[in-house]
Protein backbone atom coordinates (compact mmCIF):
# COMPACT_ATOMS: atom_id res chain seq x y z
CA UNK A 1 146.92 116.17 64.77
CA UNK A 2 150.39 114.68 65.09
CA UNK A 3 152.14 117.37 63.06
CA UNK A 4 149.92 120.33 63.91
CA UNK A 5 151.58 123.76 63.66
CA UNK A 6 150.46 124.66 67.20
CA UNK A 7 153.26 126.36 69.15
CA UNK A 8 151.48 127.81 72.20
CA UNK A 9 148.23 127.23 74.10
CA UNK A 10 146.88 129.05 77.14
CA UNK A 11 143.69 128.80 79.17
CA UNK A 12 142.79 131.50 81.68
CA UNK A 13 140.19 131.80 84.42
CA UNK A 14 139.74 135.29 85.83
CA UNK A 15 138.16 136.01 89.20
CA UNK A 16 137.62 138.97 91.49
CA UNK A 17 140.84 140.17 93.09
CA UNK A 18 142.22 138.14 96.01
CA UNK A 19 143.83 140.47 98.56
CA UNK A 20 147.30 139.46 99.71
CA UNK A 21 147.50 136.57 97.25
CA UNK A 22 151.13 135.96 98.27
CA UNK A 23 150.06 134.36 101.53
CA UNK A 24 148.32 131.57 99.58
CA UNK A 25 151.04 130.87 97.02
CA UNK A 26 152.88 128.23 99.06
CA UNK A 27 149.65 126.39 99.79
CA UNK A 28 148.73 126.32 96.11
CA UNK A 29 152.19 125.13 95.13
CA UNK A 30 152.12 122.43 97.78
CA UNK A 31 148.92 121.01 96.29
CA UNK A 32 150.33 120.75 92.74
CA UNK A 33 154.10 120.39 93.23
CA UNK A 34 154.13 116.65 92.52
CA UNK A 35 153.51 117.63 88.88
CA UNK A 36 154.69 121.25 88.85
CA UNK A 37 157.65 121.56 91.24
CA UNK A 38 159.53 124.46 89.62
CA UNK A 39 158.71 127.98 90.77
CA UNK A 40 159.45 131.29 89.01
CA UNK A 41 158.39 134.79 89.88
CA UNK A 42 157.89 137.94 87.87
CA UNK A 43 156.48 141.41 88.33
CA UNK A 44 154.70 143.41 85.66
CA UNK A 45 153.80 147.09 85.61
CA UNK A 46 150.51 148.63 84.60
CA UNK A 47 149.12 152.14 84.62
CA UNK A 48 145.66 153.09 85.86
CA UNK A 49 144.00 156.45 85.28
CA UNK A 50 142.07 157.91 88.21
CA UNK A 51 140.14 161.16 88.42
CA UNK A 52 140.87 162.99 91.63
CA UNK A 53 139.94 166.46 92.93
CA UNK A 54 143.08 167.89 91.35
CA UNK A 55 142.52 166.19 87.99
CA UNK A 56 143.42 162.97 86.21
CA UNK A 57 146.26 161.01 87.73
CA UNK A 58 148.20 158.12 86.20
CA UNK A 59 149.19 155.60 88.86
CA UNK A 60 151.67 152.84 88.27
CA UNK A 61 150.83 149.47 89.80
CA UNK A 62 152.98 146.40 90.18
CA UNK A 63 151.41 142.96 89.77
CA UNK A 64 153.16 139.86 91.02
CA UNK A 65 153.04 136.67 88.99
CA UNK A 66 154.09 133.15 89.91
CA UNK A 67 154.74 130.27 87.53
CA UNK A 68 154.73 126.63 88.63
CA UNK A 69 156.21 124.40 85.94
CA UNK A 70 156.64 120.72 85.23
CA UNK A 71 160.19 119.37 85.46
CA UNK A 72 160.56 119.40 81.67
CA UNK A 73 159.10 122.95 81.54
CA UNK A 74 156.55 121.97 78.92
CA UNK A 75 153.58 122.85 81.15
CA UNK A 76 153.02 125.56 83.70
CA UNK A 77 150.43 127.31 85.85
CA UNK A 78 150.62 131.09 86.16
CA UNK A 79 148.95 132.69 89.16
CA UNK A 80 148.16 136.33 89.90
CA UNK A 81 145.78 138.02 92.31
CA UNK A 82 142.95 137.87 89.76
CA UNK A 83 143.69 134.99 87.39
CA UNK A 84 144.89 131.41 87.06
CA UNK A 85 146.35 130.31 83.73
CA UNK A 86 147.60 127.03 82.34
CA UNK A 87 149.97 127.32 79.41
CA UNK A 88 152.03 124.90 77.36
CA UNK A 89 154.06 124.41 74.21
CA UNK A 90 153.21 120.70 74.27
CA UNK A 91 149.47 120.60 73.58
CA UNK A 92 148.33 117.38 71.89
CA UNK A 93 144.72 116.91 72.93
CA UNK A 94 142.09 118.90 74.76
CA UNK A 95 141.26 116.12 77.24
CA UNK A 96 144.75 116.27 78.74
CA UNK A 97 144.70 120.07 78.88
CA UNK A 98 141.22 120.06 80.41
CA UNK A 99 142.17 117.60 83.17
CA UNK A 100 145.28 119.55 84.10
CA UNK A 101 143.43 122.86 84.23
CA UNK A 102 140.63 121.32 86.28
CA UNK A 103 143.12 120.10 88.90
CA UNK A 104 144.65 123.56 89.18
CA UNK A 105 141.33 125.38 89.51
CA UNK A 106 140.05 122.95 92.13
CA UNK A 107 143.33 123.10 94.06
CA UNK A 108 143.20 126.89 94.19
CA UNK A 109 139.57 126.95 95.25
CA UNK A 110 140.20 124.39 98.01
CA UNK A 111 142.77 126.51 99.83
CA UNK A 112 141.35 127.39 103.26
CA UNK A 113 140.56 131.07 103.80
CA UNK A 114 141.32 132.10 100.20
CA UNK A 115 137.60 132.89 99.79
CA UNK A 116 137.58 132.44 96.03
CA UNK A 117 133.90 133.33 95.63
CA UNK A 118 133.44 135.01 92.25
CA UNK A 119 134.67 134.50 88.70
CA UNK A 120 134.46 136.98 85.84
CA UNK A 121 135.69 135.36 82.62
CA UNK A 122 137.32 132.35 81.02
CA UNK A 123 139.30 132.11 77.80
CA UNK A 124 141.20 129.71 75.57
CA UNK A 125 143.89 130.72 73.07
CA UNK A 126 145.82 128.84 70.38
CA UNK A 127 148.81 130.19 68.46
CA UNK A 128 149.86 128.31 65.32
CA UNK A 129 153.01 128.94 63.30
CA UNK A 130 152.48 127.79 59.73
CA UNK A 131 155.77 127.35 57.84
CA UNK A 132 155.54 125.96 54.31
CA UNK A 133 158.14 123.49 53.15
CA UNK A 134 160.47 124.30 50.23
CA UNK A 135 158.59 124.92 46.95
CA UNK A 136 155.33 125.35 48.88
CA UNK A 137 153.46 128.50 49.88
CA UNK A 138 151.09 129.58 52.62
CA UNK A 139 148.30 129.18 50.12
CA UNK A 140 148.92 125.45 50.13
CA UNK A 141 148.01 125.36 53.81
CA UNK A 142 145.59 128.22 54.51
CA UNK A 143 142.53 129.45 52.66
CA UNK A 144 142.81 133.00 51.25
CA UNK A 145 140.23 134.47 53.63
CA UNK A 146 142.52 134.03 56.65
CA UNK A 147 145.62 135.61 55.11
CA UNK A 148 146.42 139.28 54.45
CA UNK A 149 145.72 139.72 50.78
CA UNK A 150 148.48 139.56 48.18
CA UNK A 151 148.68 142.58 45.86
CA UNK A 152 148.18 142.18 42.11
CA UNK A 153 151.04 140.26 40.56
CA UNK A 154 153.89 142.37 39.29
CA UNK A 155 153.00 145.48 41.27
CA UNK A 156 154.13 144.78 44.82
CA UNK A 157 155.68 142.03 46.88
CA UNK A 158 154.31 141.15 50.31
CA UNK A 159 156.77 141.83 53.13
CA UNK A 160 154.51 141.71 56.17
CA UNK A 161 150.78 141.81 56.71
CA UNK A 162 148.14 141.55 59.41
CA UNK A 163 144.57 140.33 59.23
CA UNK A 164 142.55 140.82 62.42
CA UNK A 165 138.86 140.41 63.14
CA UNK A 166 136.48 139.93 66.08
CA UNK A 167 133.31 137.87 66.02
CA UNK A 168 130.38 137.34 68.36
CA UNK A 169 129.76 133.63 68.96
CA UNK A 170 127.25 131.54 70.88
CA UNK A 171 129.87 131.07 73.60
CA UNK A 172 131.37 134.54 73.81
CA UNK A 173 133.72 136.56 71.65
CA UNK A 174 136.23 135.18 69.15
CA UNK A 175 139.27 137.12 68.00
CA UNK A 176 141.44 135.97 65.11
CA UNK A 177 144.66 137.52 63.95
CA UNK A 178 146.81 136.24 61.13
CA UNK A 179 150.28 137.73 60.93
CA UNK A 180 152.23 137.16 57.77
CA UNK A 181 156.02 137.18 58.16
CA UNK A 182 156.01 139.10 61.47
CA UNK A 183 159.29 139.98 63.15
CA UNK A 184 158.38 137.73 66.10
CA UNK A 185 157.18 134.14 66.51
CA UNK A 186 154.63 134.83 69.25
CA UNK A 187 152.33 137.84 69.59
CA UNK A 188 154.21 140.45 71.68
CA UNK A 189 151.59 140.51 74.46
CA UNK A 190 152.30 136.84 75.15
CA UNK A 191 156.07 137.21 75.48
CA UNK A 192 157.16 137.10 79.11
CA UNK A 193 160.09 136.12 81.26
CA UNK A 194 158.31 132.82 81.88
CA UNK A 195 158.33 131.90 78.19
CA UNK A 196 162.00 132.82 77.97
CA UNK A 197 162.75 130.71 81.04
CA UNK A 198 160.80 127.81 79.54
CA UNK A 199 162.58 128.24 76.18
CA UNK A 200 159.26 128.37 74.33
CA UNK A 201 160.08 131.19 71.90
CA UNK A 202 160.87 129.72 68.50
CA UNK A 203 163.45 131.07 66.09
CA UNK A 204 162.06 133.13 63.27
CA UNK A 205 161.96 131.14 60.01
CA UNK A 206 164.06 132.49 57.16
CA UNK A 207 161.31 131.64 54.70
CA UNK A 208 157.68 132.74 54.44
CA UNK A 209 155.49 131.89 57.46
CA UNK A 210 152.35 132.99 59.27
CA UNK A 211 151.17 133.13 62.86
CA UNK A 212 147.50 132.25 63.20
CA UNK A 213 146.22 133.30 66.62
CA UNK A 214 142.75 132.18 67.74
CA UNK A 215 141.48 133.66 71.01
CA UNK A 216 138.01 132.69 72.25
CA UNK A 217 136.61 133.94 75.55
CA UNK A 218 133.52 134.34 77.69
CA UNK A 219 133.10 137.37 79.95
CA UNK A 220 130.05 137.15 82.16
CA UNK A 221 127.99 140.38 82.31
CA UNK A 222 128.36 140.26 86.09
CA UNK A 223 130.67 138.24 88.31
CA UNK A 224 129.16 134.81 89.00
CA UNK A 225 129.73 132.43 91.92
CA UNK A 226 132.96 130.45 91.69
CA UNK A 227 132.10 127.12 90.15
CA UNK A 228 134.89 125.05 88.52
CA UNK A 229 132.41 122.80 86.71
CA UNK A 230 130.57 125.74 85.14
CA UNK A 231 133.83 127.42 84.17
CA UNK A 232 135.22 124.30 82.54
CA UNK A 233 131.98 123.58 80.71
CA UNK A 234 132.27 127.06 79.24
CA UNK A 235 135.84 126.27 78.19
CA UNK A 236 134.67 123.14 76.37
CA UNK A 237 132.29 125.24 74.30
CA UNK A 238 135.00 127.79 73.58
CA UNK A 239 137.35 125.07 72.43
CA UNK A 240 134.75 123.56 70.09
CA UNK A 241 134.22 126.95 68.47
CA UNK A 242 137.96 127.54 68.08
CA UNK A 243 138.46 124.07 66.63
CA UNK A 244 135.74 124.61 64.03
CA UNK A 245 137.27 127.91 62.95
CA UNK A 246 140.74 126.38 62.64
CA UNK A 247 139.37 123.53 60.54
CA UNK A 248 137.71 126.05 58.23
CA UNK A 249 141.05 127.87 57.75
CA UNK A 250 143.14 124.91 56.67
CA UNK A 251 143.16 123.39 53.21
CA UNK A 252 142.68 119.67 52.49
CA UNK A 253 146.41 119.56 51.74
CA UNK A 254 147.22 121.01 55.18
CA UNK A 255 144.97 118.47 56.88
CA UNK A 256 146.84 115.67 55.15
CA UNK A 257 150.30 117.05 56.03
CA UNK A 258 149.44 117.85 59.65
CA UNK A 259 147.61 114.58 60.41
């Protein structure tokens, strides 16, 4: 859709941890730098709980991340020791996204001695920011079931609201959250130094708006052999499910405006 409210898209393939991933970063970048020549680095902290002889211990771990972006910073790969992501604020069609992600996955797997043997999950996530025009409301664009409910008229006025649900699908697990007038324009867990560097964080509208976040993923019960074709076929199915859900959320009016 030409005028779709989509503001952020990310695909992620997770695999078993690659020891000393830093030694392979330059080789990966070299294979994709004709399209993604800009490099950024970040480090994130996490805490793991371990039970030792002297009790439970909380250990802080640092994870290194690398981003490789296009010159216009509208597309980028993010690499860690256990995942490869492709993200963008310029998604227009799945075919283009699919081809780009395929190139990245194949390039990573083709690095000599990286021994990328097992994969654990794959996911696809859309974030839409629906902002009605003057004299319109969210109800013009989204069906009531996807929005936090309005209170009875005259009693209360909606300030903020969250609707969140998880579903089991044929392809995996689907999570939907609809945030009405949140204080941010992307879910907090997606905000990172990379998005700031890319200038992908939109200004908060002064009027009513909603973030509609659709996250669809497949986690294999056990790690399976690394196979780009199998992973990407799974992503196609995830995308079809997400697309169907989005189409069921929008009203006929929204379809007309966004087309």
